[in-house]
């Protein structure tokens, strides 16, 4: 602010303009009509209104996942939280016991492999 930058605590949002409630959204993507892109949806987490675009709907159909019941901002926030901290720990490969550096803390339950063991496991 001293540098002249603007700062907002929250992004602008629209509420109360929905044309389709979350409980009206079909659970399976095969049951979703093309007309859903004309609808205004409501986020189940923050009540912000959002819309889907054609390419987004096509993507969900292609990979057979249901359309989201959360707005883009809530989904983005969830991804950031799941991404993990910007910190590295020394851990041991679960397969060959080689010392590796990872952003998964030792307290986390995930199995951690070195690059070589991971490639062997995946391919």
Protein backbone atom coordinates (compact mmCIF):
# COMPACT_ATOMS: atom_id res chain seq x y z
CA UNK A 1 0.00 0.00 0.00
CA UNK A 2 2.91 2.31 0.71
CA UNK A 3 4.11 1.42 -2.80
CA UNK A 4 0.73 2.33 -4.26
CA UNK A 5 -0.49 -1.24 -4.79
CA UNK A 6 -4.15 -2.04 -4.23
CA UNK A 7 -5.06 -4.85 -1.88
CA UNK A 8 -8.37 -6.60 -1.38
CA UNK A 9 -9.10 -9.03 1.44
CA UNK A 10 -11.79 -10.78 -0.57
CA UNK A 11 -12.56 -10.94 -4.24
CA UNK A 12 -15.89 -9.62 -5.43
CA UNK A 13 -18.66 -12.14 -5.48
CA UNK A 14 -22.25 -12.45 -6.54
CA UNK A 15 -24.77 -14.23 -4.35
CA UNK A 16 -28.48 -14.93 -4.62
CA UNK A 17 -28.71 -14.92 -8.43
CA UNK A 18 -28.68 -18.71 -8.86
CA UNK A 19 -30.99 -20.43 -11.30
CA UNK A 20 -30.01 -23.96 -10.19
CA UNK A 21 -29.50 -25.07 -6.59
CA UNK A 22 -26.67 -27.53 -5.71
CA UNK A 23 -29.14 -30.30 -4.91
CA UNK A 24 -30.58 -29.99 -8.44
CA UNK A 25 -27.22 -30.78 -10.06
CA UNK A 26 -27.17 -34.40 -11.27
CA UNK A 27 -24.71 -36.66 -9.45
CA UNK A 28 -23.47 -38.31 -12.65
CA UNK A 29 -22.06 -36.35 -15.57
CA UNK A 30 -24.05 -38.50 -18.02
CA UNK A 31 -27.23 -37.02 -16.56
CA UNK A 32 -26.10 -33.40 -17.03
CA UNK A 33 -27.81 -31.56 -19.89
CA UNK A 34 -25.99 -29.08 -22.16
CA UNK A 35 -28.26 -26.36 -20.78
CA UNK A 36 -26.30 -26.39 -17.50
CA UNK A 37 -23.88 -23.87 -19.05
CA UNK A 38 -26.77 -21.39 -19.15
CA UNK A 39 -27.46 -21.86 -15.44
CA UNK A 40 -26.07 -19.86 -12.53
CA UNK A 41 -24.91 -22.26 -9.81
CA UNK A 42 -24.27 -21.73 -6.10
CA UNK A 43 -21.15 -22.86 -4.25
CA UNK A 44 -21.98 -25.23 -1.38
CA UNK A 45 -19.09 -23.83 0.64
CA UNK A 46 -19.20 -20.03 0.29
CA UNK A 47 -22.57 -19.39 -1.47
CA UNK A 48 -20.81 -17.56 -4.33
CA UNK A 49 -22.54 -17.83 -7.70
CA UNK A 50 -20.59 -19.36 -10.57
CA UNK A 51 -21.12 -20.70 -14.07
CA UNK A 52 -19.65 -23.46 -16.18
CA UNK A 53 -18.31 -22.89 -19.67
CA UNK A 54 -18.66 -25.27 -22.61
CA UNK A 55 -15.00 -26.41 -22.54
CA UNK A 56 -15.26 -27.14 -18.83
CA UNK A 57 -18.41 -29.23 -19.31
CA UNK A 58 -16.76 -31.09 -22.21
CA UNK A 59 -13.74 -31.82 -20.01
CA UNK A 60 -15.89 -33.24 -17.19
CA UNK A 61 -17.70 -35.43 -19.70
CA UNK A 62 -14.46 -36.63 -21.25
CA UNK A 63 -13.00 -37.83 -17.94
CA UNK A 64 -16.39 -38.82 -16.49
CA UNK A 65 -16.40 -36.71 -13.36
CA UNK A 66 -19.41 -34.84 -11.97
CA UNK A 67 -19.65 -31.10 -12.32
CA UNK A 68 -18.31 -29.25 -9.28
CA UNK A 69 -20.58 -28.04 -6.54
CA UNK A 70 -17.96 -25.56 -5.38
CA UNK A 71 -16.92 -22.34 -7.10
CA UNK A 72 -13.51 -21.94 -8.73
CA UNK A 73 -12.16 -19.98 -5.77
CA UNK A 74 -13.04 -22.65 -3.18
CA UNK A 75 -11.63 -25.38 -5.46
CA UNK A 76 -8.43 -23.36 -5.92
CA UNK A 77 -8.08 -22.89 -2.15
CA UNK A 78 -8.47 -26.65 -1.60
CA UNK A 79 -5.75 -27.36 -4.18
CA UNK A 80 -3.35 -24.95 -2.48
CA UNK A 81 -3.93 -26.59 0.91
CA UNK A 82 -3.36 -30.09 -0.54
CA UNK A 83 -0.21 -28.99 -2.33
CA UNK A 84 1.83 -29.02 0.84
CA UNK A 85 4.23 -26.56 2.43
CA UNK A 86 7.19 -24.85 0.76
CA UNK A 87 9.58 -26.75 2.97
CA UNK A 88 11.77 -29.80 2.43
CA UNK A 89 12.56 -32.72 4.70
CA UNK A 90 15.12 -35.49 4.52
CA UNK A 91 13.40 -38.85 4.37
CA UNK A 92 14.26 -42.39 3.44
CA UNK A 93 12.96 -44.14 0.32
CA UNK A 94 10.37 -46.69 1.42
CA UNK A 95 11.77 -49.26 -0.99
CA UNK A 96 15.59 -48.98 -1.16
CA UNK A 97 16.23 -46.93 2.01
CA UNK A 98 18.16 -44.27 0.06
CA UNK A 99 18.22 -40.80 1.66
CA UNK A 100 16.00 -38.38 -0.33
CA UNK A 101 14.72 -34.82 -0.06
CA UNK A 102 10.95 -34.32 -0.26
CA UNK A 103 8.23 -31.83 0.64
CA UNK A 104 6.32 -34.60 2.46
CA UNK A 105 7.02 -34.27 6.17
CA UNK A 106 7.96 -37.40 8.14
CA UNK A 107 4.64 -37.16 10.02
CA UNK A 108 2.62 -37.61 6.81
CA UNK A 109 1.26 -41.08 5.97
CA UNK A 110 2.25 -41.12 2.27
CA UNK A 111 4.79 -43.64 1.04
CA UNK A 112 7.79 -41.80 -0.39
CA UNK A 113 10.08 -43.30 -3.04
CA UNK A 114 13.29 -42.10 -4.64
CA UNK A 115 13.09 -41.36 -8.37
CA UNK A 116 14.46 -44.75 -9.43
CA UNK A 117 12.10 -46.76 -7.20
CA UNK A 118 9.14 -44.60 -8.18
CA UNK A 119 9.81 -45.22 -11.89
CA UNK A 120 10.06 -48.96 -11.25
CA UNK A 121 6.79 -48.92 -9.34
CA UNK A 122 4.90 -46.91 -11.96
CA UNK A 123 6.28 -48.47 -15.15
